[in-house]
Amino acid sequence: MEAAVFKDERKRVFLNIDGADKPLKSPLSQDILDRARTYRLNRLRAEMDRQDVAALLLYDPVNIRYAFDCSNMSIWTAHNPIRYALILNDGPGNMFEFNGCEHLNDGLPGIDEVRQAIGWMFMCAGDRAEERLSPWAREIEGLVEQHGGGNRRIAVDRMEPEGVHALSSLGLKVIDGGQVTEIARAIKSEDEIALMRWTIRVCEAGMARIYEHSVPGVTEQELWAHLHFENARSGGEWLETKLLTCGPNTNPWYKECSDRECQLGEMISFDTDMIGPYGYCADLSRSWTCGYVPMNDTQKRLYSAAREQIEHNMALLQPGRSFAEFNAKSWRIPTPYVDYRYSLAAHGVGMADEWPVVPLHPDFAGAHGGKFEDGMVICIESLIGEKGSESIKLETQVLVTKHGPERLDSFPWEM
């Protein structure tokens, strides 16, 4: 197939199947969304029960979105802890919203009561932070006392030390909420998968837009903006990183996109890390040449190794397989590529990157235990480069099922 024809085919299939340049509109029903909301909150409550936790206090906006599907300036509140949720295991779900934003939670089925948040962080409280801390802690302790049945264990996902101290001083036993939220979020329902497939569809439209503009003279930042554009106009949220580089900027990996202009024949490599519609993550990586020209021999060799790693490790995803067994059977990176490797072989993904994290075999010693389970969504990673070369970055998003691994993305590989 001629490069120009292949270029147009990607645009037709992934960007706008009917040829019109317009935002993608979700075909999913409200019933799917409502079932996913109920499932997620039930997952949290079941894990709270399993870990004997009376209450779950959430500040992380991703966890709040998972629990209640409510969002409010997620990036801002990720570093300004001013809104929070409290789920009582044998009681109501409470959303504590900051003043003037209560209406953002209207109609959400998991929220039984909206209360006004007490902001005690220094930025908004200043020298009155300690004064505000006490009523905040007493309100939470009172709800645990009312609905906890004598259980004083409370799981908290994010908390400044002053908050932990204030809750502990009232007799609450504070534990890490991550061990509740991460385990709960790891297993997806069919409805969650439907929502995630749509985010991936939007992401692939953004990738097609990047591909359409991968011509000599375009800057890395200009290319990255096309993914932002497609995500935003189709109802998505944000990008977690800025990982798109070309040519020498691809090695070593992790440089953020810059104003460097891409040159004909250079590799363009990127990792989407896109939080899209419905709050789900599309974490996909691709690499291709600038200007749609054939790869040179070195690029082909590196790309072939990356594809081999992806296919080999993806085939190992089976329910019940331990992370240790996966590591033992995983693809072995050749010596010339070891120093330029990616640290992960696989990781979970849902509303963001999540548990589990499985290091690449040279880094596996001391990794956590666990096993793959039916309903997990796992990203299989590859980064291949050598001294003086460019880097090839590939990643695919895979549903673990009893029938074998199922890729959720379909954007084509280059070879």
Protein backbone atom coordinates (compact mmCIF):
# COMPACT_ATOMS: atom_id res chain seq x y z
CA MET A 1 0.00 0.00 0.00
CA GLU A 2 1.33 3.43 -0.91
CA ALA A 3 2.16 5.62 2.09
CA ALA A 4 -0.25 8.37 0.99
CA VAL A 5 -3.13 5.90 0.63
CA PHE A 6 -2.37 4.39 4.04
CA LYS A 7 -2.30 7.90 5.48
CA ASP A 8 -5.76 8.64 4.10
CA GLU A 9 -7.09 5.28 5.31
CA ARG A 10 -6.09 6.08 8.88
CA LYS A 11 -7.91 9.37 8.62
CA ARG A 12 -11.06 7.72 7.25
CA VAL A 13 -11.18 4.93 9.83
CA PHE A 14 -9.91 6.60 13.00
CA LEU A 15 -10.41 10.33 12.64
CA ASN A 16 -13.76 10.77 10.90
CA ILE A 17 -15.32 7.69 9.41
CA ASP A 18 -17.87 9.72 7.44
CA GLY A 19 -15.31 12.23 6.21
CA ALA A 20 -16.62 15.16 8.25
CA ASP A 21 -14.26 16.94 10.61
CA LYS A 22 -16.40 17.11 13.72
CA PRO A 23 -16.27 15.93 17.34
CA LEU A 24 -17.00 12.29 18.05
CA LYS A 25 -20.32 11.80 19.81
CA SER A 26 -20.67 8.90 22.20
CA PRO A 27 -23.26 6.26 21.20
CA LEU A 28 -23.44 4.85 24.75
CA SER A 29 -26.70 4.94 26.68
CA GLN A 30 -27.35 6.47 30.07
CA ASP A 31 -28.16 2.97 31.35
CA ILE A 32 -24.58 1.86 30.71
CA LEU A 33 -23.24 4.83 32.64
CA ASP A 34 -25.64 4.33 35.55
CA ARG A 35 -24.81 0.62 35.83
CA ALA A 36 -21.10 1.43 35.82
CA ARG A 37 -21.65 3.99 38.61
CA THR A 38 -23.50 1.45 40.74
CA TYR A 39 -20.90 -1.24 40.11
CA ARG A 40 -17.99 1.00 41.07
CA LEU A 41 -19.52 2.18 44.35
CA ASN A 42 -20.44 -1.42 45.21
CA ARG A 43 -16.84 -2.48 44.51
CA LEU A 44 -15.58 0.10 47.01
CA ARG A 45 -18.08 -0.92 49.67
CA ALA A 46 -17.27 -4.61 49.21
CA GLU A 47 -13.56 -3.95 49.60
CA MET A 48 -14.21 -1.78 52.66
CA ASP A 49 -16.15 -4.67 54.14
CA ARG A 50 -13.39 -7.14 53.29
CA GLN A 51 -10.78 -4.94 54.98
CA ASP A 52 -13.07 -4.14 57.93
CA VAL A 53 -13.15 -0.40 57.23
CA ALA A 54 -16.01 1.72 58.57
CA ALA A 55 -15.41 4.72 56.31
CA LEU A 56 -13.47 5.73 53.23
CA LEU A 57 -12.31 9.37 52.98
CA LEU A 58 -11.31 10.42 49.46
CA TYR A 59 -9.47 13.54 48.33
CA ASP A 60 -7.99 12.21 45.09
CA PRO A 61 -10.29 13.50 42.31
CA VAL A 62 -9.84 10.26 40.35
CA ASN A 63 -11.06 8.22 43.31
CA ILE A 64 -13.96 10.63 43.84
CA ARG A 65 -14.87 10.26 40.16
CA TYR A 66 -14.74 6.46 40.49
CA ALA A 67 -16.96 6.48 43.59
CA PHE A 68 -19.56 9.11 42.71
CA ASP A 69 -18.84 10.14 39.08
CA CYS A 70 -18.70 13.77 40.16
CA SER A 71 -15.90 16.04 39.02
CA ASN A 72 -15.01 19.63 39.72
CA MET A 73 -11.81 21.16 38.34
CA SER A 74 -10.00 17.82 38.68
CA ILE A 75 -6.47 19.06 37.95
CA TRP A 76 -6.82 22.02 40.32
CA THR A 77 -8.29 19.93 43.14
CA ALA A 78 -5.59 17.28 42.64
CA HIS A 79 -3.10 19.71 44.19
CA ASN A 80 -5.53 21.79 46.24
CA PRO A 81 -7.26 19.42 48.71
CA ILE A 82 -10.47 21.35 49.26
CA ARG A 83 -13.26 18.94 48.22
CA TYR A 84 -13.65 15.40 49.52
CA ALA A 85 -15.97 12.41 49.73
CA LEU A 86 -16.81 10.23 52.71
CA ILE A 87 -18.34 6.81 52.12
CA LEU A 88 -19.75 5.07 55.18
CA ASN A 89 -19.69 1.30 54.78
CA ASP A 90 -23.03 0.87 56.54
CA GLY A 91 -24.29 4.36 55.90
CA PRO A 92 -24.62 7.19 53.39
CA GLY A 93 -22.32 8.49 50.72
CA ASN A 94 -21.43 12.11 51.50
CA MET A 95 -19.89 14.58 49.06
CA PHE A 96 -18.22 17.61 50.65
CA GLU A 97 -18.19 20.33 47.99
CA PHE A 98 -16.77 23.81 48.22
CA ASN A 99 -19.12 26.75 48.36
CA GLY A 100 -21.11 27.51 45.22
CA CYS A 101 -20.46 24.15 43.57
CA GLU A 102 -23.03 21.99 45.31
CA HIS A 103 -25.18 21.81 42.15
CA LEU A 104 -22.45 19.91 40.30
CA ASN A 105 -23.52 16.81 42.19
CA ASP A 106 -27.22 16.97 41.28
CA GLY A 107 -28.73 13.70 40.09
CA LEU A 108 -25.77 11.46 40.89
CA PRO A 109 -27.23 8.26 42.37
CA GLY A 110 -24.38 7.36 44.75
CA ILE A 111 -24.49 10.64 46.67
CA ASP A 112 -26.92 10.65 49.58
CA GLU A 113 -25.99 14.06 50.94
CA VAL A 114 -23.99 17.07 49.78
CA ARG A 115 -22.30 19.03 52.54
CA GLN A 116 -20.11 22.12 52.46
CA ALA A 117 -16.42 21.27 52.54
CA ILE A 118 -14.18 22.72 55.23
CA GLY A 119 -10.95 23.87 53.61
CA TRP A 120 -8.09 23.85 56.08
CA MET A 121 -5.15 23.88 53.69
CA PHE A 122 -2.84 26.86 54.21
CA MET A 123 -3.55 28.46 50.84
CA CYS A 124 -7.18 29.16 51.75
CA ALA A 125 -7.00 29.14 55.56
CA GLY A 126 -3.66 30.81 56.22
CA ASP A 127 -3.05 31.31 59.95
CA ARG A 128 -6.58 29.98 60.66
CA ALA A 129 -5.79 26.50 59.32
CA GLU A 130 -5.59 24.94 62.77
CA GLU A 131 -8.85 26.61 63.76
CA ARG A 132 -10.65 25.04 60.78
CA LEU A 133 -9.03 21.64 61.26
CA SER A 134 -10.92 20.85 64.45
CA PRO A 135 -14.51 21.18 63.10
CA TRP A 136 -13.47 19.25 59.96
CA ALA A 137 -12.20 16.34 62.05
CA ARG A 138 -15.17 16.41 64.43
CA GLU A 139 -17.66 16.26 61.55
CA ILE A 140 -15.98 13.21 60.04
CA GLU A 141 -15.61 11.51 63.42
CA GLY A 142 -19.27 12.17 64.15
CA LEU A 143 -20.39 10.45 60.95
CA VAL A 144 -18.17 7.45 61.67
CA GLU A 145 -19.56 7.29 65.20
CA GLN A 146 -23.13 7.48 63.88
CA HIS A 147 -22.83 4.88 61.13
CA GLY A 148 -19.77 2.79 61.98
CA GLY A 149 -21.37 0.41 64.49
CA GLY A 150 -18.41 0.83 66.81
CA ASN A 151 -15.82 0.35 64.06
CA ARG A 152 -13.28 3.22 64.22
CA ARG A 153 -11.14 2.23 61.20
CA ILE A 154 -11.11 4.86 58.44
CA ALA A 155 -9.23 4.55 55.15
CA VAL A 156 -7.84 7.79 53.66
CA ASP A 157 -6.35 8.10 50.19
CA ARG A 158 -4.52 11.48 50.42
CA MET A 159 -3.94 13.51 53.56
CA GLU A 160 -1.57 16.11 54.98
CA PRO A 161 -0.07 14.97 58.31
CA GLU A 162 -2.11 17.50 60.29
CA GLY A 163 -5.31 15.83 59.13
CA VAL A 164 -4.13 12.36 60.11
CA HIS A 165 -3.17 13.67 63.53
CA ALA A 166 -6.55 15.40 64.01
CA LEU A 167 -8.51 12.25 63.14
CA SER A 168 -6.27 10.04 65.25
CA SER A 169 -6.64 12.34 68.24
CA LEU A 170 -10.39 11.69 68.13
CA GLY A 171 -9.85 7.96 68.34
CA LEU A 172 -10.07 7.03 64.67
CA LYS A 173 -7.64 4.44 63.30
CA VAL A 174 -6.35 5.87 59.99
CA ILE A 175 -5.13 3.40 57.35
CA ASP A 176 -3.94 3.83 53.76
CA GLY A 177 -6.96 4.13 51.48
CA GLY A 178 -4.92 3.06 48.47
CA GLN A 179 -5.17 -0.56 49.53
CA VAL A 180 -8.97 -0.20 49.27
CA THR A 181 -9.34 1.94 46.15
CA GLU A 182 -6.67 0.26 44.01
CA ILE A 183 -7.97 -3.26 44.61
CA ALA A 184 -11.57 -2.15 44.06
CA ARG A 185 -10.75 -0.33 40.82
CA ALA A 186 -8.72 -3.22 39.36
CA ILE A 187 -11.65 -5.36 38.15
CA LYS A 188 -13.83 -3.78 35.48
CA SER A 189 -17.44 -4.53 34.62
CA GLU A 190 -18.71 -4.92 31.07
CA ASP A 191 -20.18 -1.43 31.29
CA GLU A 192 -16.83 0.03 32.38
CA ILE A 193 -15.18 -1.66 29.42
CA ALA A 194 -17.76 -0.09 27.10
CA LEU A 195 -16.93 3.34 28.53
CA MET A 196 -13.22 2.66 28.21
CA ARG A 197 -13.59 1.51 24.59
CA TRP A 198 -15.15 4.87 23.77
CA THR A 199 -12.27 6.78 25.37
CA ILE A 200 -9.88 4.65 23.30
CA ARG A 201 -11.90 5.46 20.18
CA VAL A 202 -11.50 9.18 20.88
CA CYS A 203 -7.81 8.71 21.62
CA GLU A 204 -7.28 6.91 18.33
CA ALA A 205 -8.95 9.80 16.53
CA GLY A 206 -6.40 12.05 18.22
CA MET A 207 -3.60 9.73 17.16
CA ALA A 208 -4.86 9.83 13.58
CA ARG A 209 -4.77 13.61 13.77
CA ILE A 210 -1.15 13.43 14.97
CA TYR A 211 -0.39 11.09 12.07
CA GLU A 212 -2.01 13.43 9.54
CA HIS A 213 0.29 16.25 10.67
CA SER A 214 3.53 14.23 10.99
CA VAL A 215 5.32 16.19 8.28
CA PRO A 216 8.76 17.86 8.20
CA GLY A 217 8.87 21.20 10.01
CA VAL A 218 6.08 20.48 12.50
CA THR A 219 7.13 20.87 16.13
CA GLU A 220 6.68 18.27 18.84
CA GLN A 221 4.38 20.63 20.68
CA GLU A 222 2.19 21.17 17.62
CA LEU A 223 1.75 17.41 17.22
CA TRP A 224 0.92 16.95 20.91
CA ALA A 225 -1.73 19.68 20.66
CA HIS A 226 -3.73 17.58 18.19
CA LEU A 227 -4.37 14.93 20.85
CA HIS A 228 -5.47 17.62 23.33
CA PHE A 229 -7.79 19.07 20.70
CA GLU A 230 -9.51 15.81 19.80
CA ASN A 231 -9.89 14.81 23.44
CA ALA A 232 -11.31 18.16 24.55
CA ARG A 233 -13.79 18.58 21.72
CA SER A 234 -15.10 15.03 22.16
CA GLY A 235 -15.79 15.42 25.88
CA GLY A 236 -12.48 14.23 27.33
CA GLU A 237 -10.59 15.71 30.22
CA TRP A 238 -6.78 15.96 30.31
CA LEU A 239 -3.43 14.41 29.36
CA GLU A 240 -1.31 13.13 32.23
CA THR A 241 2.04 13.71 30.49
CA LYS A 242 3.72 15.49 27.56
CA LEU A 243 5.53 12.48 26.11
CA LEU A 244 5.88 13.11 22.38
CA THR A 245 9.34 13.55 20.92
CA CYS A 246 11.11 13.04 17.62
CA GLY A 247 14.57 12.07 16.43
CA PRO A 248 17.35 12.43 19.02
CA ASN A 249 14.86 13.66 21.63
CA THR A 250 13.38 10.14 21.82
CA ASN A 251 16.52 8.70 23.48
CA PRO A 252 16.80 8.76 26.41
CA TRP A 253 13.05 8.54 26.95
CA TYR A 254 10.95 10.82 29.17
CA LYS A 255 11.87 14.13 27.56
CA GLU A 256 8.74 16.25 27.25
CA CYS A 257 7.62 17.68 23.93
CA SER A 258 9.43 20.84 22.89
CA ASP A 259 9.50 23.37 20.06
CA ARG A 260 11.99 21.20 18.13
CA GLU A 261 10.95 20.72 14.50
CA CYS A 262 10.65 17.14 13.27
CA GLN A 263 12.82 16.21 10.29
CA LEU A 264 12.02 13.92 7.36
CA GLY A 265 12.57 10.26 8.26
CA GLU A 266 12.99 10.77 12.01
CA MET A 267 11.02 8.62 14.41
CA ILE A 268 8.11 10.30 16.15
CA SER A 269 7.37 8.43 19.39
CA PHE A 270 4.65 9.19 21.93
CA ASP A 271 2.65 7.90 24.90
CA THR A 272 -0.91 9.24 25.15
CA ASP A 273 -1.72 8.93 28.91
CA MET A 274 -5.08 10.47 28.00
CA ILE A 275 -7.94 10.86 30.48
CA GLY A 276 -10.85 10.96 28.11
CA PRO A 277 -14.66 10.87 28.07
CA TYR A 278 -16.34 9.41 31.15
CA GLY A 279 -13.06 9.87 33.04
CA TYR A 280 -11.39 6.73 31.66
CA CYS A 281 -7.78 6.48 30.53
CA ALA A 282 -6.46 5.57 27.10
CA ASP A 283 -2.78 4.78 27.59
CA LEU A 284 -1.39 3.94 24.15
CA SER A 285 2.01 4.38 22.53
CA ARG A 286 3.06 4.41 18.90
CA SER A 287 6.11 5.33 16.83
CA TRP A 288 6.34 6.20 13.13
CA THR A 289 8.52 8.16 10.74
CA CYS A 290 8.10 11.82 9.99
CA GLY A 291 6.90 12.34 6.42
CA TYR A 292 5.54 8.79 5.98
CA VAL A 293 8.83 7.52 4.53
CA PRO A 294 9.99 3.90 4.97
CA MET A 295 12.02 3.16 8.09
CA ASN A 296 15.77 2.75 7.73
CA ASP A 297 17.40 -0.54 8.71
CA THR A 298 18.10 0.51 12.31
CA GLN A 299 14.56 1.77 12.82
CA LYS A 300 13.18 -1.49 11.40
CA ARG A 301 15.34 -3.62 13.69
CA LEU A 302 14.33 -1.67 16.80
CA TYR A 303 10.68 -1.61 15.80
CA SER A 304 10.65 -5.37 15.19
CA ALA A 305 12.08 -5.98 18.67
CA ALA A 306 9.42 -3.73 20.24
CA ARG A 307 6.63 -5.58 18.42
CA GLU A 308 8.09 -8.92 19.52
CA GLN A 309 8.11 -7.78 23.15
CA ILE A 310 4.51 -6.55 22.95
CA GLU A 311 3.17 -9.73 21.36
CA HIS A 312 5.13 -12.10 23.63
CA ASN A 313 4.15 -10.43 26.89
CA MET A 314 0.53 -9.85 25.86
CA ALA A 315 0.11 -13.60 25.24
CA LEU A 316 1.07 -14.25 28.87
CA LEU A 317 -1.94 -12.38 30.28
CA GLN A 318 -4.09 -15.12 31.78
CA PRO A 319 -6.38 -15.05 34.84
CA GLY A 320 -4.65 -16.65 37.80
CA ARG A 321 -1.11 -16.15 36.49
CA SER A 322 1.05 -14.59 39.18
CA PHE A 323 3.15 -11.54 38.46
CA ALA A 324 6.21 -13.62 39.38
CA GLU A 325 5.33 -16.27 36.79
CA PHE A 326 4.65 -13.58 34.20
CA ASN A 327 8.08 -12.13 34.90
CA ALA A 328 9.78 -15.52 34.62
CA LYS A 329 8.19 -16.16 31.22
CA SER A 330 8.38 -12.59 29.92
CA TRP A 331 10.33 -11.45 26.86
CA ARG A 332 14.05 -10.98 27.58
CA ILE A 333 15.38 -7.65 26.40
CA PRO A 334 18.63 -8.01 24.39
CA THR A 335 21.78 -6.67 26.03
CA PRO A 336 22.30 -3.67 23.66
CA TYR A 337 18.84 -2.35 24.64
CA VAL A 338 19.02 -2.93 28.41
CA ASP A 339 20.47 0.45 29.39
CA TYR A 340 17.74 2.25 27.39
CA ARG A 341 14.81 0.15 28.61
CA TYR A 342 11.44 1.11 30.03
CA SER A 343 11.19 0.12 33.70
CA LEU A 344 7.76 -1.55 33.36
CA ALA A 345 6.60 -4.60 31.47
CA ALA A 346 2.93 -4.06 32.36
CA HIS A 347 0.60 -2.01 34.53
CA GLY A 348 -3.09 -1.69 35.28
CA VAL A 349 -5.24 1.06 33.84
CA GLY A 350 -8.76 2.31 34.52
CA MET A 351 -9.58 5.94 35.26
CA ALA A 352 -5.80 6.45 35.31
CA ASP A 353 -2.74 4.24 35.51
CA GLU A 354 -3.30 1.99 38.50
CA TRP A 355 -2.39 -1.20 40.36
CA PRO A 356 -0.83 -3.59 39.49
CA VAL A 357 2.61 -2.46 38.36
CA VAL A 358 4.84 -5.24 37.00
CA PRO A 359 8.47 -4.17 36.46
CA LEU A 360 10.54 -5.32 33.50
CA HIS A 361 12.58 -8.43 34.31
CA PRO A 362 15.91 -6.63 35.07
CA ASP A 363 14.02 -4.55 37.66
CA PHE A 364 11.66 -7.20 39.02
CA ALA A 365 13.51 -8.13 42.22
CA GLY A 366 11.45 -6.97 45.17
CA ALA A 367 8.29 -6.42 43.12
CA HIS A 368 4.95 -6.83 44.91
CA GLY A 369 2.99 -10.06 44.84
CA GLY A 370 -0.34 -10.69 43.20
CA LYS A 371 -1.84 -12.21 40.08
CA PHE A 372 -3.74 -11.22 36.97
CA GLU A 373 -7.52 -11.57 37.24
CA ASP A 374 -10.43 -11.80 34.84
CA GLY A 375 -11.69 -8.24 34.22
CA MET A 376 -8.38 -6.44 34.72
CA VAL A 377 -7.24 -4.05 31.99
CA ILE A 378 -3.47 -4.15 31.54
CA CYS A 379 -1.16 -2.00 29.45
CA ILE A 380 1.72 -3.93 27.87
CA GLU A 381 4.75 -1.68 27.39
CA SER A 382 7.82 -1.62 25.19
CA LEU A 383 10.63 0.89 24.80
CA ILE A 384 13.50 -0.18 22.55
CA GLY A 385 16.61 1.86 21.89
CA GLU A 386 20.37 1.51 21.90
CA LYS A 387 23.40 3.76 22.16
CA GLY A 388 23.15 6.51 19.58
CA SER A 389 19.76 5.43 18.22
CA GLU A 390 16.25 6.77 18.42
CA SER A 391 13.72 5.04 20.71
CA ILE A 392 10.70 3.05 19.63
CA LYS A 393 7.80 3.36 22.13
CA LEU A 394 4.86 0.96 21.77
CA GLU A 395 2.01 0.20 24.18
CA THR A 396 -1.31 -1.57 23.91
CA GLN A 397 -4.30 -1.77 26.27
CA VAL A 398 -5.53 -5.30 26.98
CA LEU A 399 -8.54 -6.83 28.73
CA VAL A 400 -7.71 -9.99 30.68
CA THR A 401 -10.40 -12.65 30.10
CA LYS A 402 -10.78 -16.37 30.71
CA HIS A 403 -10.75 -16.78 26.92
CA GLY A 404 -7.39 -15.04 26.58
CA PRO A 405 -6.14 -11.46 26.21
CA GLU A 406 -8.28 -9.04 24.20
CA ARG A 407 -6.75 -5.88 22.80
CA LEU A 408 -9.01 -2.86 23.26
CA ASP A 409 -7.13 -0.58 20.85
CA SER A 410 -6.84 -1.15 17.12
CA PHE A 411 -4.69 1.69 15.77
CA PRO A 412 -2.29 -0.04 13.33
CA TRP A 413 1.33 -0.85 13.94
CA GLU A 414 3.80 0.32 11.32
CA MET A 415 5.18 -3.09 10.29
